[in-house]
Protein backbone atom coordinates (compact mmCIF):
# COMPACT_ATOMS: atom_id res chain seq x y z
CA MET A 1 -97.20 59.30 -54.25
CA TYR A 2 -95.13 57.84 -57.09
CA ALA A 3 -94.28 54.69 -55.07
CA ALA A 4 -97.96 54.19 -54.35
CA TYR A 5 -98.72 54.63 -58.03
CA ILE A 6 -96.12 52.02 -59.03
CA ALA A 7 -97.49 49.62 -56.42
CA SER A 8 -100.94 50.07 -57.88
CA MET A 9 -99.60 49.23 -61.35
CA HIS A 10 -98.12 46.02 -59.99
CA THR A 11 -101.34 45.11 -58.25
CA SER A 12 -103.22 45.89 -61.43
CA ILE A 13 -101.25 43.46 -63.60
CA TYR A 14 -101.45 40.77 -60.90
CA SER A 15 -105.24 41.14 -60.89
CA LEU A 16 -105.48 41.24 -64.68
CA LEU A 17 -103.44 38.08 -65.05
CA ALA A 18 -105.27 36.31 -62.20
CA ASP A 19 -108.62 37.09 -63.84
CA ASP A 20 -107.34 35.95 -67.24
CA LEU A 21 -106.03 32.63 -65.91
CA THR A 22 -109.18 32.00 -63.91
CA GLN A 23 -111.52 32.69 -66.83
CA ASN A 24 -109.43 30.83 -69.41
CA LEU A 25 -107.87 28.09 -67.30
CA ASP A 26 -109.08 25.23 -69.51
CA ARG A 27 -107.75 26.97 -72.63
CA PHE A 28 -104.44 27.62 -70.92
CA ILE A 29 -104.10 23.95 -69.90
CA ASP A 30 -104.86 22.91 -73.49
CA LEU A 31 -102.17 25.27 -74.82
CA LEU A 32 -99.68 23.91 -72.34
CA ALA A 33 -100.60 20.33 -73.32
CA GLU A 34 -100.04 21.15 -77.00
CA ARG A 35 -96.59 22.58 -76.31
CA THR A 36 -95.73 19.65 -74.09
CA MET A 37 -96.79 17.10 -76.72
CA ALA A 38 -94.62 18.85 -79.29
CA GLU A 39 -91.52 19.34 -77.15
CA LEU A 40 -91.72 16.73 -74.37
CA PRO A 41 -93.37 13.57 -75.71
CA GLU A 42 -91.99 11.63 -72.70
CA LEU A 43 -94.74 13.24 -70.61
CA THR A 44 -97.61 12.54 -73.00
CA ASP A 45 -96.89 9.10 -74.47
CA ASP A 46 -98.70 7.40 -71.59
CA ALA A 47 -102.43 8.21 -71.23
CA GLU A 48 -102.52 7.82 -67.45
CA ARG A 49 -99.38 9.90 -66.96
CA TYR A 50 -100.76 12.56 -69.34
CA ALA A 51 -104.00 12.84 -67.37
CA PHE A 52 -102.04 13.03 -64.14
CA ALA A 53 -99.86 15.80 -65.61
CA ARG A 54 -102.92 17.84 -66.63
CA THR A 55 -104.29 17.58 -63.11
CA GLY A 56 -100.96 18.72 -61.71
CA ALA A 57 -100.81 21.66 -64.12
CA ARG A 58 -104.31 22.76 -63.18
CA SER A 59 -103.47 22.60 -59.48
CA LEU A 60 -100.30 24.62 -60.06
CA MET A 61 -102.13 27.34 -62.03
CA THR A 62 -104.84 27.57 -59.40
CA ASP A 63 -102.19 27.97 -56.74
CA PHE A 64 -100.38 30.63 -58.79
CA VAL A 65 -103.64 32.60 -59.17
CA ALA A 66 -103.83 32.68 -55.37
CA VAL A 67 -100.25 33.96 -55.29
CA LEU A 68 -101.13 36.71 -57.78
CA GLU A 69 -104.04 37.77 -55.64
CA LEU A 70 -101.74 37.92 -52.63
CA GLY A 71 -99.01 39.70 -54.60
CA ALA A 72 -96.20 39.23 -52.05
CA VAL A 73 -92.88 39.05 -53.93
CA ASP A 74 -90.82 38.40 -50.80
CA ALA A 75 -92.88 35.44 -49.55
CA ARG A 76 -91.56 31.88 -49.51
CA TYR A 77 -93.47 29.79 -51.99
CA HIS A 78 -93.91 26.04 -52.05
CA ALA A 79 -95.29 23.49 -54.49
CA PRO A 80 -98.92 22.42 -54.05
CA ALA A 81 -99.57 18.80 -53.06
CA ALA A 82 -100.62 17.80 -56.60
CA ALA A 83 -97.32 19.06 -58.05
CA ILE A 84 -95.37 17.05 -55.47
CA ALA A 85 -97.43 13.94 -56.23
CA LEU A 86 -96.72 14.46 -59.94
CA ALA A 87 -92.98 14.70 -59.30
CA GLN A 88 -93.10 11.47 -57.31
CA ARG A 89 -95.00 9.77 -60.14
CA PHE A 90 -92.42 10.95 -62.68
CA ALA A 91 -89.63 9.63 -60.47
CA ARG A 92 -91.24 6.18 -60.24
CA ASP A 93 -91.85 6.15 -64.01
CA GLY A 94 -88.22 7.01 -64.71
CA VAL A 95 -89.01 10.36 -66.37
CA PRO A 96 -85.75 12.38 -66.26
CA ILE A 97 -85.83 15.32 -63.87
CA ALA A 98 -84.62 17.62 -66.68
CA VAL A 99 -87.79 16.78 -68.64
CA MET A 100 -89.97 17.53 -65.64
CA LEU A 101 -88.32 20.90 -65.00
CA ARG A 102 -88.54 21.77 -68.69
CA ALA A 103 -92.32 21.29 -68.46
CA TYR A 104 -92.45 23.84 -65.63
CA ARG A 105 -90.47 26.33 -67.70
CA LEU A 106 -92.85 25.86 -70.63
CA GLY A 107 -95.72 26.69 -68.30
CA GLN A 108 -93.87 29.74 -66.97
CA GLU A 109 -93.22 30.90 -70.53
CA LEU A 110 -96.92 30.67 -71.43
CA VAL A 111 -97.92 32.50 -68.26
CA PHE A 112 -95.50 35.30 -69.00
CA ASP A 113 -96.86 35.55 -72.55
CA ARG A 114 -100.37 35.99 -71.18
CA ALA A 115 -99.07 38.59 -68.74
CA VAL A 116 -97.67 40.62 -71.65
CA HIS A 117 -101.09 40.58 -73.32
CA ALA A 118 -102.77 41.52 -70.06
CA SER A 119 -100.41 44.46 -69.62
CA GLU A 120 -101.76 46.06 -72.80
CA ARG A 121 -104.69 47.21 -70.72
CA ILE A 122 -102.30 49.38 -68.69
CA GLY A 123 -102.00 52.87 -70.16
CA GLN A 124 -98.40 54.09 -70.32
CA THR A 125 -95.64 52.08 -71.98
CA GLU A 126 -93.25 52.74 -69.11
CA ASP A 127 -95.90 51.64 -66.63
CA ARG A 128 -96.44 48.43 -68.60
CA ALA A 129 -92.70 47.66 -68.62
CA GLN A 130 -92.43 48.16 -64.87
CA ALA A 131 -95.53 46.07 -64.23
CA ILE A 132 -94.23 43.22 -66.42
CA ALA A 133 -90.85 43.35 -64.65
CA ALA A 134 -92.59 43.08 -61.29
CA LEU A 135 -94.71 40.18 -62.55
CA GLY A 136 -91.53 38.51 -63.82
CA ALA A 137 -89.88 38.82 -60.40
CA LEU A 138 -92.94 37.34 -58.69
CA SER A 139 -93.31 34.43 -61.13
CA PHE A 140 -89.58 33.66 -60.91
CA ARG A 141 -89.73 33.65 -57.12
CA TYR A 142 -92.78 31.41 -57.19
CA MET A 143 -91.35 28.93 -59.72
CA ASP A 144 -88.04 28.82 -57.89
CA GLY A 145 -89.83 27.68 -54.74
CA VAL A 146 -91.99 25.19 -56.64
CA MET A 147 -89.11 23.64 -58.59
CA SER A 148 -86.97 23.38 -55.45
CA ASP A 149 -89.75 21.44 -53.74
CA VAL A 150 -90.57 19.13 -56.64
CA SER A 151 -86.87 18.46 -57.30
CA ARG A 152 -86.32 17.45 -53.68
CA HIS A 153 -89.34 15.16 -53.63
CA TYR A 154 -88.37 13.74 -57.03
CA ASP A 155 -84.87 12.87 -55.78
CA THR A 156 -86.26 11.29 -52.60
CA GLU A 157 -88.76 9.17 -54.52
CA ARG A 158 -86.15 8.21 -57.12
CA GLU A 159 -83.79 7.07 -54.39
CA LYS A 160 -86.57 4.99 -52.81
CA ALA A 161 -87.36 3.44 -56.18
CA PHE A 162 -83.70 2.61 -56.79
CA ARG A 163 -83.36 1.08 -53.34
CA GLY A 164 -86.42 -1.05 -53.92
CA ARG A 165 -85.22 -2.10 -57.37
CA ASP A 166 -81.72 -2.84 -56.10
CA ALA A 167 -83.14 -4.88 -53.22
CA ARG A 168 -85.15 -7.01 -55.66
CA ARG A 169 -82.10 -7.44 -57.88
CA LEU A 170 -79.98 -8.46 -54.90
CA VAL A 171 -82.54 -11.10 -53.90
CA LEU A 172 -82.48 -12.50 -57.44
CA VAL A 173 -78.68 -12.60 -57.58
CA ARG A 174 -78.45 -14.29 -54.19
CA ALA A 175 -80.97 -16.88 -55.35
CA LEU A 176 -78.84 -17.54 -58.43
CA LEU A 177 -75.68 -17.86 -56.34
CA SER A 178 -77.36 -20.26 -53.94
CA GLY A 179 -78.31 -22.56 -56.81
CA ALA A 180 -82.04 -22.01 -56.38
CA PRO A 181 -84.09 -22.43 -59.57
CA VAL A 182 -84.77 -19.06 -61.20
CA ASP A 183 -86.90 -18.59 -64.29
CA PRO A 184 -84.84 -16.84 -67.02
CA VAL A 185 -87.75 -14.61 -68.03
CA GLU A 186 -88.34 -13.56 -64.43
CA ALA A 187 -84.62 -12.98 -63.93
CA GLU A 188 -84.35 -10.84 -67.06
CA ARG A 189 -87.35 -8.76 -66.02
CA GLY A 190 -86.16 -8.33 -62.45
CA LEU A 191 -82.54 -7.59 -63.31
CA GLU A 192 -83.40 -5.43 -66.34
CA TYR A 193 -80.51 -7.16 -68.05
CA ARG A 194 -80.40 -9.84 -70.75
CA VAL A 195 -79.38 -13.14 -69.19
CA ASP A 196 -78.57 -15.01 -72.38
CA GLY A 197 -75.11 -14.82 -73.94
CA GLU A 198 -71.87 -14.41 -72.00
CA HIS A 199 -71.27 -12.49 -68.78
CA GLN A 200 -68.16 -11.47 -66.85
CA ALA A 201 -68.28 -10.14 -63.29
CA VAL A 202 -66.13 -7.43 -61.74
CA VAL A 203 -66.26 -7.03 -57.96
CA ALA A 204 -64.99 -3.86 -56.27
CA TRP A 205 -64.54 -3.18 -52.54
CA SER A 206 -62.62 -0.97 -50.15
CA SER A 207 -62.28 -0.38 -46.44
CA GLY A 208 -64.06 2.95 -46.90
CA GLY A 209 -67.15 1.37 -48.46
CA ASP A 210 -68.00 4.37 -50.69
CA ASP A 211 -70.53 2.85 -53.12
CA GLU A 212 -70.19 5.62 -55.69
CA ARG A 213 -66.43 5.20 -55.96
CA LEU A 214 -66.79 1.42 -56.08
CA VAL A 215 -69.35 1.62 -58.89
CA THR A 216 -67.02 3.91 -60.83
CA ALA A 217 -64.06 1.56 -60.30
CA ALA A 218 -65.91 -1.60 -61.33
CA THR A 219 -67.53 0.14 -64.29
CA ARG A 220 -64.17 1.37 -65.59
CA ILE A 221 -62.79 -2.16 -65.60
CA ALA A 222 -66.00 -3.57 -67.09
CA ALA A 223 -65.74 -1.03 -69.92
CA GLU A 224 -62.16 -2.16 -70.57
CA ILE A 225 -62.86 -5.90 -70.69
CA GLY A 226 -66.45 -5.84 -71.97
CA GLU A 227 -68.99 -3.99 -74.07
CA GLY A 228 -72.64 -3.06 -74.14
CA ARG A 229 -75.08 -2.64 -71.28
CA THR A 230 -73.96 -3.60 -67.77
CA LEU A 231 -75.72 -4.86 -64.66
CA THR A 232 -74.68 -3.23 -61.37
CA ILE A 233 -75.57 -4.61 -57.94
CA GLY A 234 -74.55 -3.04 -54.65
CA ASP A 235 -74.35 -5.31 -51.61
CA PRO A 236 -74.88 -4.17 -48.01
CA ALA A 237 -71.71 -6.11 -47.20
CA GLY A 238 -69.76 -3.23 -48.77
CA GLU A 239 -69.04 -4.35 -52.31
CA VAL A 240 -70.29 -3.58 -55.80
CA THR A 241 -70.54 -6.10 -58.63
CA VAL A 242 -70.79 -5.12 -62.29
CA TRP A 243 -71.53 -7.70 -64.99
CA THR A 244 -70.61 -6.97 -68.59
CA ARG A 245 -70.56 -8.74 -71.95
CA PRO A 246 -66.92 -9.86 -72.35
CA THR A 247 -64.96 -9.03 -75.47
CA PRO A 248 -62.63 -11.61 -77.09
CA ASP A 249 -59.53 -9.90 -75.67
CA VAL A 250 -58.80 -9.35 -71.97
CA GLY A 251 -58.39 -5.59 -72.03
CA ASP A 252 -55.53 -3.30 -72.89
CA PRO A 253 -52.66 -3.90 -70.39
CA GLU A 254 -51.63 -0.23 -70.38
CA ASN A 255 -55.17 0.96 -69.69
CA LEU A 256 -55.59 -1.63 -66.93
CA ALA A 257 -52.26 -0.56 -65.41
CA ARG A 258 -53.46 3.06 -65.34
CA ILE A 259 -56.73 2.00 -63.74
CA ALA A 260 -54.80 -0.09 -61.20
CA GLU A 261 -52.72 2.94 -60.23
CA ASP A 262 -55.86 5.08 -59.80
CA LEU A 263 -57.47 2.39 -57.64
CA ARG A 264 -54.37 2.10 -55.46
CA LYS A 265 -54.58 5.81 -54.67
CA GLN A 266 -58.18 5.30 -53.56
CA SER A 267 -57.46 2.07 -51.62
CA ILE A 268 -59.92 0.17 -53.85
CA GLN A 269 -59.43 -3.46 -54.86
CA THR A 270 -61.19 -5.37 -57.61
CA ALA A 271 -61.51 -8.98 -58.74
CA ILE A 272 -62.57 -10.36 -62.12
CA GLY A 273 -64.30 -13.68 -62.78
CA GLU A 274 -64.04 -15.71 -65.98
CA PRO A 275 -66.70 -15.38 -68.73
CA GLY A 276 -69.76 -17.58 -68.27
CA ARG A 277 -72.84 -18.16 -70.41
CA GLY A 278 -76.50 -17.80 -69.48
CA LEU A 279 -77.96 -17.74 -65.97
CA ARG A 280 -75.48 -20.31 -64.70
CA GLY A 281 -72.62 -18.33 -66.18
CA LEU A 282 -73.94 -15.14 -64.57
CA ALA A 283 -73.72 -16.84 -61.18
CA ALA A 284 -70.47 -18.71 -61.89
CA THR A 285 -68.46 -15.65 -62.89
CA LYS A 286 -69.66 -13.87 -59.75
CA ARG A 287 -68.58 -16.80 -57.56
CA GLN A 288 -65.17 -16.78 -59.23
CA ALA A 289 -64.77 -13.05 -58.67
CA ASP A 290 -65.67 -13.58 -55.00
CA LEU A 291 -63.08 -16.37 -54.71
CA ALA A 292 -60.49 -14.13 -56.35
CA ARG A 293 -61.42 -11.43 -53.85
CA ALA A 294 -60.64 -13.76 -50.94
CA VAL A 295 -57.11 -14.17 -52.33
CA ALA A 296 -56.72 -10.50 -53.25
CA GLU A 297 -57.62 -9.36 -49.75
CA LEU A 298 -54.46 -11.05 -48.50
CA ARG A 299 -52.43 -8.66 -50.66
CA PRO A 300 -53.89 -5.11 -50.50
CA ASP A 301 -51.14 -3.92 -52.87
CA ARG A 302 -52.86 -5.79 -55.72
CA THR A 303 -55.73 -3.74 -57.06
CA ILE A 304 -56.92 -5.88 -60.00
CA THR A 305 -56.95 -9.66 -59.54
CA ARG A 306 -58.17 -12.12 -62.15
CA TYR A 307 -59.64 -15.41 -61.02
CA ALA A 308 -57.85 -17.19 -63.87
CA ASN A 309 -54.51 -16.26 -62.32
CA VAL A 310 -55.36 -17.21 -58.74
CA ALA A 311 -57.74 -20.15 -59.25
CA LEU A 312 -55.27 -22.62 -57.74
CA ALA A 313 -54.58 -20.26 -54.86
CA THR A 314 -58.30 -20.09 -54.02
CA VAL A 315 -58.19 -23.85 -53.40
CA LEU A 316 -54.84 -23.97 -51.62
CA LEU A 317 -55.69 -21.10 -49.27
CA ARG A 318 -58.98 -22.35 -47.92
CA ASP A 319 -57.13 -23.01 -44.67
CA GLU A 320 -54.55 -20.25 -44.52
CA ASP A 321 -52.64 -21.65 -41.53
CA VAL A 322 -52.30 -25.10 -43.10
CA ALA A 323 -51.29 -23.53 -46.43
CA ARG A 324 -48.65 -21.34 -44.80
CA ALA A 325 -47.19 -24.31 -42.94
CA PHE A 326 -47.12 -26.38 -46.13
CA ALA A 327 -45.31 -23.61 -48.04
CA GLY A 328 -42.76 -23.29 -45.26
CA GLU A 329 -42.10 -27.04 -45.27
CA GLN A 330 -41.67 -27.19 -49.04
CA LEU A 331 -39.67 -24.00 -49.63
CA GLY A 332 -37.78 -23.42 -46.41
CA ARG A 333 -35.81 -20.18 -46.60
CA VAL A 334 -37.07 -19.61 -50.18
CA ALA A 335 -40.40 -18.70 -48.54
CA HIS A 336 -38.86 -15.91 -46.43
CA ALA A 337 -40.02 -12.32 -46.83
CA THR A 338 -36.73 -11.02 -48.22
CA ARG A 339 -35.85 -9.51 -51.57
CA ALA A 340 -33.38 -12.30 -52.33
CA ALA A 341 -35.99 -14.97 -51.59
CA HIS A 342 -38.52 -13.12 -53.75
CA VAL A 343 -36.07 -13.15 -56.70
CA LEU A 344 -35.59 -16.91 -56.30
CA ARG A 345 -39.35 -17.53 -56.15
CA GLU A 346 -39.89 -15.40 -59.26
CA THR A 347 -37.16 -17.35 -61.06
CA LEU A 348 -38.59 -20.74 -60.05
CA THR A 349 -42.13 -19.71 -61.04
CA THR A 350 -40.99 -18.53 -64.46
CA PHE A 351 -38.76 -21.58 -64.89
CA TYR A 352 -41.69 -23.94 -64.32
CA ALA A 353 -44.02 -21.82 -66.51
CA THR A 354 -41.57 -22.02 -69.45
CA GLY A 355 -41.30 -25.80 -69.30
CA HIS A 356 -37.93 -25.86 -67.43
CA ASP A 357 -36.29 -23.93 -70.29
CA ARG A 358 -33.47 -21.77 -68.90
CA SER A 359 -33.09 -19.67 -72.05
CA ARG A 360 -36.80 -18.80 -72.15
CA THR A 361 -36.71 -18.07 -68.43
CA ALA A 362 -33.81 -15.67 -68.95
CA ARG A 363 -35.65 -13.87 -71.76
CA ALA A 364 -38.84 -13.63 -69.73
CA LEU A 365 -37.00 -12.09 -66.78
CA GLY A 366 -34.69 -9.96 -68.89
CA VAL A 367 -31.42 -11.42 -67.52
CA HIS A 368 -28.53 -13.56 -68.81
CA ARG A 369 -28.91 -17.35 -69.01
CA ASN A 370 -25.95 -17.76 -66.63
CA THR A 371 -27.80 -15.64 -64.07
CA ILE A 372 -30.69 -18.07 -64.21
CA ALA A 373 -28.32 -21.01 -63.75
CA ASN A 374 -26.78 -19.37 -60.66
CA ARG A 375 -30.20 -18.60 -59.17
CA LEU A 376 -31.42 -22.16 -59.71
CA ARG A 377 -28.33 -23.54 -57.99
CA ARG A 378 -28.94 -21.27 -54.99
CA ALA A 379 -32.58 -22.35 -54.92
CA GLU A 380 -31.60 -26.04 -54.94
CA GLY A 381 -29.27 -25.43 -52.02
CA LEU A 382 -32.09 -23.87 -50.00
CA LEU A 383 -34.75 -26.36 -51.09
CA GLY A 384 -32.58 -29.37 -50.36
CA HIS A 385 -33.37 -31.04 -53.69
CA ARG A 386 -33.08 -30.48 -57.43
CA VAL A 387 -35.53 -28.03 -59.02
CA ASP A 388 -36.88 -30.78 -61.28
CA GLU A 389 -37.84 -32.90 -58.23
CA ARG A 390 -41.05 -32.48 -56.19
CA VAL A 391 -42.21 -30.05 -58.86
CA ARG A 392 -45.94 -30.18 -58.02
CA GLU A 393 -45.31 -29.55 -54.34
CA THR A 394 -42.87 -26.74 -55.08
CA GLU A 395 -45.19 -25.04 -57.55
CA ALA A 396 -48.11 -25.27 -55.10
CA ALA A 397 -45.97 -23.77 -52.35
CA LEU A 398 -44.89 -20.94 -54.67
CA VAL A 399 -48.55 -20.16 -55.43
CA ILE A 400 -49.30 -20.00 -51.71
CA VAL A 401 -46.40 -17.69 -50.86
CA ASP A 402 -47.20 -15.46 -53.83
CA ALA A 403 -50.75 -15.03 -52.56
CA LEU A 404 -49.88 -14.48 -48.90
CA PRO A 405 -48.61 -11.09 -47.70
CA THR A 406 -44.83 -10.95 -47.68
CA GLU A 407 -43.04 -7.93 -49.11
CA ARG A 408 -44.57 -5.17 -51.23
CA THR A 409 -44.11 -5.82 -54.94
CA SER A 410 -44.72 -3.73 -58.04
CA ARG A 411 -47.08 -6.23 -59.69
CA ASP A 412 -50.60 -4.91 -59.27
CA VAL A 413 -52.38 -6.79 -62.05
CA VAL A 414 -51.99 -10.54 -61.52
């Protein structure tokens, strides 16, 4: 008898609330709109979106009235078609999902407030408390089903919108790279990124092709060498490019070294172009990063490669077989993949970079000047000529060997 009595109390509050919402639906929608305007202006600042939201709210309340009349707490509830359409509209408009779900909670709060008022028509205080608790369980179950549905459809629509936007951006970037004429205003609108000023491109790739990890990697480097808003483009070829506004410096070496170590653990490589200005610069820095990538791919141990440091190598290595043969002819045994040969190549490279100054070479390498003299003599014996002869050919050959895979080295940022 008591169970039947409690069930009747539950049914009573369901009916009371259903009647209240049906008779005062317009007033309820107005109250919800007022709360939404005050707390969630993102949903009401556009007249068309606001009207659409009111329609969705009305549909949801009508559906909830039907649920109250059914009164089945254990049923599986789903969002009505209008609520799903509203979620898809919000996704296309870029309304954050948190804002959308907050609107549903505001509606649930107002419904529960009306339920409390409706319960005053139930006699005993204890009966009212039990009836309200039952109503709370039903409304929670219903809103859980609705919000699960709208969240899923929101995410699906958002993903579709992003794919469409990214596809349009990719078409624009490819047009820029091909040299096709692109209107700056159209480019700025399509890329959602200012095309004036300077740009610097960071390309990230890996054998795994995990776009999320690649975006994170490229963005970390872009944040180190640049500032402000970035432009991110994913390519079906398995790479991600991030453009940033370059800062006057080239990034903190210690921070870049830490990033390089993290990228090595993830088997991710990156390449950085030189700063370029305007639309042409946007395309040029991307081309340079791509050229640097071609060199970096020969040495997977190098995780951050700057175009500025491999520009000559990008030219010399256009025909890898010819370049390798040339380096072998010029360097002989100095080109071998041994530790001793590597030390000689490092010494020669530093020697040429310091203007043939043995003292500066010694300081740069952290060894005694006599050590440099001994190494240069050994190098001359292997080269078959003095180190100050055939300098251009020797330097070019050193660039080639440095870029080609030989032994693993500890220099990750080149």
